[in-house]
Protein backbone atom coordinates (compact mmCIF):
# COMPACT_ATOMS: atom_id res chain seq x y z
CA UNK A 1 21.06 -4.25 -7.60
CA UNK A 2 18.86 -4.12 -10.61
CA UNK A 3 16.29 -1.40 -10.36
CA UNK A 4 15.51 2.11 -11.90
CA UNK A 5 14.79 4.94 -9.34
CA UNK A 6 12.19 7.38 -10.96
CA UNK A 7 12.13 11.11 -10.43
CA UNK A 8 8.81 12.95 -9.41
CA UNK A 9 7.54 13.53 -13.34
CA UNK A 10 8.03 9.79 -14.07
CA UNK A 11 6.17 8.96 -10.55
CA UNK A 12 3.13 11.09 -11.75
CA UNK A 13 3.10 9.35 -15.09
CA UNK A 14 3.36 6.03 -13.51
CA UNK A 15 0.19 7.17 -11.36
CA UNK A 16 -1.64 7.75 -14.27
CA UNK A 17 -0.88 4.54 -15.84
CA UNK A 18 -1.34 2.51 -12.45
CA UNK A 19 -4.74 4.03 -12.32
CA UNK A 20 -5.64 2.79 -15.67
CA UNK A 21 -4.19 -0.72 -14.99
CA UNK A 22 -6.42 -0.86 -12.15
CA UNK A 23 -9.66 0.14 -14.12
CA UNK A 24 -8.30 -2.61 -16.84
CA UNK A 25 -8.25 -5.24 -13.84
CA UNK A 26 -11.41 -4.15 -12.28
CA UNK A 27 -13.09 -4.78 -15.66
CA UNK A 28 -11.31 -8.09 -16.46
CA UNK A 29 -12.56 -9.26 -13.01
CA UNK A 30 -16.18 -9.01 -14.30
CA UNK A 31 -18.73 -10.43 -11.78
CA UNK A 32 -16.14 -11.60 -9.37
CA UNK A 33 -15.57 -7.63 -8.63
CA UNK A 34 -12.48 -6.12 -6.99
CA UNK A 35 -11.74 -3.87 -4.39
CA UNK A 36 -11.43 -0.53 -6.53
CA UNK A 37 -11.85 2.42 -4.23
CA UNK A 38 -9.18 1.45 -1.68
CA UNK A 39 -6.50 0.91 -4.18
CA UNK A 40 -7.11 4.11 -5.88
CA UNK A 41 -6.44 5.87 -2.60
CA UNK A 42 -3.03 4.22 -2.31
CA UNK A 43 -1.88 4.70 -5.82
CA UNK A 44 0.81 7.33 -5.38
CA UNK A 45 2.24 5.64 -2.02
CA UNK A 46 2.84 2.23 -3.94
CA UNK A 47 4.25 4.41 -6.85
CA UNK A 48 6.79 6.13 -5.03
CA UNK A 49 7.87 2.96 -2.78
CA UNK A 50 8.60 0.87 -5.97
CA UNK A 51 9.46 3.62 -8.18
CA UNK A 52 11.93 5.43 -5.69
CA UNK A 53 12.22 4.09 -2.12
CA UNK A 54 12.38 0.22 -1.71
CA UNK A 55 15.82 -1.50 -2.56
CA UNK A 56 14.90 -4.70 -4.50
CA UNK A 57 16.62 -6.49 -7.26
CA UNK A 58 14.63 -7.78 -10.18
CA UNK A 59 17.35 -10.38 -11.28
CA UNK A 60 17.16 -11.62 -7.76
CA UNK A 61 14.14 -11.06 -6.10
CA UNK A 62 14.89 -13.16 -2.97
CA UNK A 63 18.31 -11.14 -2.41
CA UNK A 64 18.63 -10.94 1.25
CA UNK A 65 19.50 -7.42 1.55
CA UNK A 66 16.18 -6.48 -0.16
CA UNK A 67 13.80 -3.91 1.64
CA UNK A 68 10.83 -5.99 3.30
CA UNK A 69 7.33 -4.34 2.20
CA UNK A 70 4.38 -6.13 3.57
CA UNK A 71 0.78 -5.03 2.77
CA UNK A 72 -1.36 -4.89 5.70
CA UNK A 73 -3.95 -3.28 3.40
CA UNK A 74 -4.12 -6.62 1.20
CA UNK A 75 -7.16 -5.38 -0.68
CA UNK A 76 -5.62 -2.93 -2.40
CA UNK A 77 -4.05 -5.33 -5.17
CA UNK A 78 -5.21 -3.06 -7.98
CA UNK A 79 -2.49 -0.58 -6.56
CA UNK A 80 0.34 -3.17 -5.68
CA UNK A 81 0.32 -5.42 -8.70
CA UNK A 82 0.25 -2.55 -11.08
CA UNK A 83 3.15 -0.86 -9.22
CA UNK A 84 5.23 -4.19 -9.65
CA UNK A 85 4.30 -4.94 -12.89
CA UNK A 86 5.48 -1.35 -14.12
CA UNK A 87 9.05 -2.09 -12.43
CA UNK A 88 9.33 -5.15 -14.03
CA UNK A 89 8.48 -8.13 -11.86
CA UNK A 90 6.34 -9.44 -14.30
CA UNK A 91 4.89 -8.66 -17.46
CA UNK A 92 2.15 -5.87 -17.62
CA UNK A 93 -0.01 -7.93 -19.51
CA UNK A 94 -0.38 -10.38 -16.47
CA UNK A 95 -2.50 -7.90 -15.01
CA UNK A 96 -5.62 -8.66 -16.74
CA UNK A 97 -5.53 -12.04 -15.35
CA UNK A 98 -5.99 -11.12 -11.82
CA UNK A 99 -8.20 -13.52 -9.72
CA UNK A 100 -8.13 -16.07 -12.47
CA UNK A 101 -8.28 -19.84 -11.61
CA UNK A 102 -4.44 -20.93 -11.51
CA UNK A 103 -3.52 -17.60 -12.39
CA UNK A 104 -0.22 -15.62 -10.95
CA UNK A 105 -2.09 -12.67 -9.50
CA UNK A 106 -4.56 -13.33 -6.85
CA UNK A 107 -6.21 -11.30 -4.13
CA UNK A 108 -4.55 -13.33 -0.94
CA UNK A 109 -1.22 -15.19 -1.94
CA UNK A 110 2.44 -15.41 -0.79
CA UNK A 111 4.66 -15.75 -4.02
CA UNK A 112 7.91 -14.11 -2.92
CA UNK A 113 9.19 -14.46 -6.42
CA UNK A 114 6.76 -11.63 -7.47
CA UNK A 115 7.82 -9.53 -4.46
CA UNK A 116 5.15 -10.76 -1.86
CA UNK A 117 6.61 -10.97 1.46
CA UNK A 118 3.38 -11.92 3.44
CA UNK A 119 -0.02 -13.64 2.98
CA UNK A 120 -3.10 -13.53 5.15
CA UNK A 121 -6.63 -14.14 5.06
CA UNK A 122 -7.31 -11.48 8.29
CA UNK A 123 -6.51 -8.07 8.46
CA UNK A 124 -4.93 -6.79 11.45
CA UNK A 125 -2.68 -9.66 12.02
CA UNK A 126 0.29 -8.31 9.53
CA UNK A 127 1.92 -5.86 12.25
CA UNK A 128 2.92 -9.02 14.38
CA UNK A 129 4.57 -10.17 11.38
CA UNK A 130 6.02 -6.77 10.54
CA UNK A 131 7.62 -6.39 14.03
CA UNK A 132 9.12 -9.80 13.87
CA UNK A 133 10.84 -9.11 10.63
CA UNK A 134 12.44 -5.78 12.12
CA UNK A 135 13.38 -7.59 15.32
CA UNK A 136 15.08 -10.67 13.27
CA UNK A 137 17.00 -7.53 11.04
CA UNK A 138 18.20 -5.81 14.37
CA UNK A 139 19.24 -9.35 16.19
CA UNK A 140 21.05 -10.49 13.05
CA UNK A 141 22.68 -7.13 12.04
CA UNK A 142 20.91 -7.30 8.67
CA UNK A 143 20.61 -4.04 6.51
CA UNK A 144 17.12 -4.36 5.23
CA UNK A 145 14.36 -1.81 6.10
CA UNK A 146 10.67 -2.87 6.77
CA UNK A 147 7.93 -1.14 5.41
CA UNK A 148 4.23 -1.69 5.97
CA UNK A 149 0.83 -0.41 4.61
CA UNK A 150 -2.21 0.08 6.90
CA UNK A 151 -5.67 1.17 6.13
CA UNK A 152 -6.93 3.44 8.78
CA UNK A 153 -10.09 1.43 9.55
CA UNK A 154 -7.73 -1.62 9.92
CA UNK A 155 -6.40 0.01 12.70
CA UNK A 156 -9.52 -0.68 14.58
CA UNK A 157 -7.77 -4.20 15.02
CA UNK A 158 -6.40 -4.66 18.73
CA UNK A 159 -3.34 -6.75 17.47
CA UNK A 160 -2.16 -3.60 15.49
CA UNK A 161 -2.00 -1.63 18.74
CA UNK A 162 -0.14 -4.20 20.36
CA UNK A 163 2.33 -4.42 17.72
CA UNK A 164 2.84 -0.59 17.76
CA UNK A 165 3.51 -0.89 21.33
CA UNK A 166 6.01 -3.63 20.86
CA UNK A 167 7.68 -1.66 18.24
CA UNK A 168 8.34 1.21 20.18
CA UNK A 169 9.67 -1.06 23.08
CA UNK A 170 12.09 -2.77 20.75
CA UNK A 171 13.21 0.84 19.33
CA UNK A 172 12.60 -0.47 15.87
CA UNK A 173 14.03 2.46 13.75
CA UNK A 174 14.22 -0.01 10.83
CA UNK A 175 10.55 0.13 10.54
CA UNK A 176 8.21 2.42 8.71
CA UNK A 177 4.50 2.22 8.82
CA UNK A 178 2.31 4.11 6.21
CA UNK A 179 -1.37 4.78 7.45
CA UNK A 180 -3.41 5.23 4.36
CA UNK A 181 -5.94 7.69 6.20
CA UNK A 182 -8.61 8.14 3.54
CA UNK A 183 -11.44 8.16 6.34
CA UNK A 184 -13.45 5.48 4.83
CA UNK A 185 -14.12 1.90 5.73
CA UNK A 186 -16.65 -0.61 3.93
CA UNK A 187 -19.29 0.71 6.09
CA UNK A 188 -18.43 4.08 5.82
CA UNK A 189 -16.87 7.35 7.34
CA UNK A 190 -14.27 6.28 10.04
CA UNK A 191 -14.90 8.84 12.18
CA UNK A 192 -18.80 8.38 12.40
CA UNK A 193 -18.28 4.32 12.96
CA UNK A 194 -15.08 4.20 15.04
CA UNK A 195 -13.41 7.45 15.50
CA UNK A 196 -9.64 7.20 14.72
CA UNK A 197 -9.13 10.97 15.75
CA UNK A 198 -5.74 12.31 15.59
CA UNK A 199 -3.29 9.26 14.67
CA UNK A 200 -0.22 11.23 14.35
CA UNK A 201 -0.68 12.14 18.22
CA UNK A 202 -1.69 8.51 18.86
CA UNK A 203 1.46 7.06 17.47
CA UNK A 204 3.45 9.85 19.08
CA UNK A 205 1.90 9.05 22.33
CA UNK A 206 2.80 5.09 21.75
CA UNK A 207 6.49 6.27 21.08
CA UNK A 208 6.97 6.57 17.47
CA UNK A 209 8.09 9.50 15.32
CA UNK A 210 5.09 10.25 13.08
CA UNK A 211 4.38 12.73 10.54
CA UNK A 212 1.07 13.88 8.60
CA UNK A 213 1.09 14.42 5.01
CA UNK A 214 -0.81 14.51 1.81
CA UNK A 215 -0.87 10.92 0.47
CA UNK A 216 -1.63 12.05 -2.93
CA UNK A 217 1.78 14.39 -3.08
CA UNK A 218 4.33 12.78 -4.85
CA UNK A 219 7.27 15.25 -3.59
CA UNK A 220 6.16 15.00 0.33
CA UNK A 221 5.52 11.38 0.03
CA UNK A 222 9.19 10.91 -1.30
CA UNK A 223 10.60 13.23 1.35
CA UNK A 224 8.65 11.40 4.34
CA UNK A 225 9.60 7.99 3.14
CA UNK A 226 13.34 8.88 2.66
CA UNK A 227 13.32 10.11 6.24
CA UNK A 228 15.06 7.21 8.68
CA UNK A 229 14.59 8.24 12.49
CA UNK A 230 17.28 7.36 15.07
CA UNK A 231 15.83 4.91 18.11
CA UNK A 232 12.29 4.93 17.39
CA UNK A 233 10.08 3.44 14.67
CA UNK A 234 8.15 5.91 12.10
CA UNK A 235 4.61 6.27 11.19
CA UNK A 236 3.48 8.38 7.87
CA UNK A 237 -0.33 9.44 8.34
CA UNK A 238 -0.97 9.69 4.61
CA UNK A 239 -4.11 11.61 3.97
CA UNK A 240 -5.88 10.58 0.88
CA UNK A 241 -9.30 10.44 -0.81
CA UNK A 242 -10.79 6.67 -1.00
CA UNK A 243 -11.53 6.10 -4.95
CA UNK A 244 -9.18 9.09 -5.81
CA UNK A 245 -9.10 10.05 -9.60
CA UNK A 246 -12.61 8.57 -10.46
CA UNK A 247 -15.70 11.03 -9.63
CA UNK A 248 -18.32 8.47 -8.87
CA UNK A 249 -15.68 6.28 -6.77
CA UNK A 250 -14.46 9.03 -4.70
CA UNK A 251 -15.67 8.60 -0.96
CA UNK A 252 -18.37 6.32 -2.35
CA UNK A 253 -18.54 3.17 0.21
CA UNK A 254 -20.65 0.81 -2.34
CA UNK A 255 -17.08 0.75 -4.50
CA UNK A 256 -15.18 -0.63 -1.61
CA UNK A 257 -15.74 -4.06 -3.27
CA UNK A 258 -17.75 -3.98 -6.69
CA UNK A 259 -18.24 -4.69 -10.31
CA UNK A 260 -17.31 -2.32 -12.93
CA UNK A 261 -19.25 -2.35 -15.87
CA UNK A 262 -18.40 -1.26 -19.39
CA UNK A 263 -19.86 2.23 -19.17
CA UNK A 264 -18.38 3.08 -15.90
CA UNK A 265 -15.13 1.31 -17.14
CA UNK A 266 -15.19 4.29 -19.96
CA UNK A 267 -15.87 6.98 -17.75
CA UNK A 268 -13.35 6.27 -15.45
CA UNK A 269 -10.75 5.93 -18.12
CA UNK A 270 -11.71 9.33 -19.66
CA UNK A 271 -11.57 11.05 -16.15
CA UNK A 272 -8.03 9.35 -15.37
CA UNK A 273 -6.63 10.19 -18.87
CA UNK A 274 -7.94 14.01 -18.58
CA UNK A 275 -6.83 14.27 -15.01
């Protein structure tokens, strides 16, 4: 299995590079814009998953025993694609072609050879796919683990909760869901618009094992993602800041999907480098 596992200090350095890549991608996207803030909130999650947790083989990306990672939060490509580039799925310079016509990296896609397991145009549908993948692994006695990243506002979708019920019913302990709890949706604060309340208690009530952690804390992420419950699916509620690392983007709903200009780019890069 060709992959390097990073230590905590290496992961921290990786996160800084990923944030800088995200700004480069957003600037390169130009008037097309990009989903900036939601990507910045889950940088550490992606860095730990690809840097330490996931089993994959760069020489054989379709290796049958690879762990399956499904991005329910598909808009966070400015976190996902830099993580894969840094780990060697494709050259880093490809990142600046994000969303170009006929380019390798697009917002909604399914190219399994570069690490994508799932592609959809509709948020909220991925959990049905995820549960199916975990059930298949159980039925066929395959070793892979299934991971899924959800946004908290995405959990307003009823299909997500139907899938949570199914996962608990079938005792899918080969399934880990990470919920990016940044308390922000495209329209503003989740608790003002459609309150999610205590998501750990909700998951436990649905029959899952669950834990709440700081989603920007590398040590806690590694610890939580390394845990494998017995007989239950597992949900990690990762509390994060939408737009983490760039002051004018943090918790600013206008940056859910927006255009980054040159002046903003330079300010963002300076803050990330200092941070």
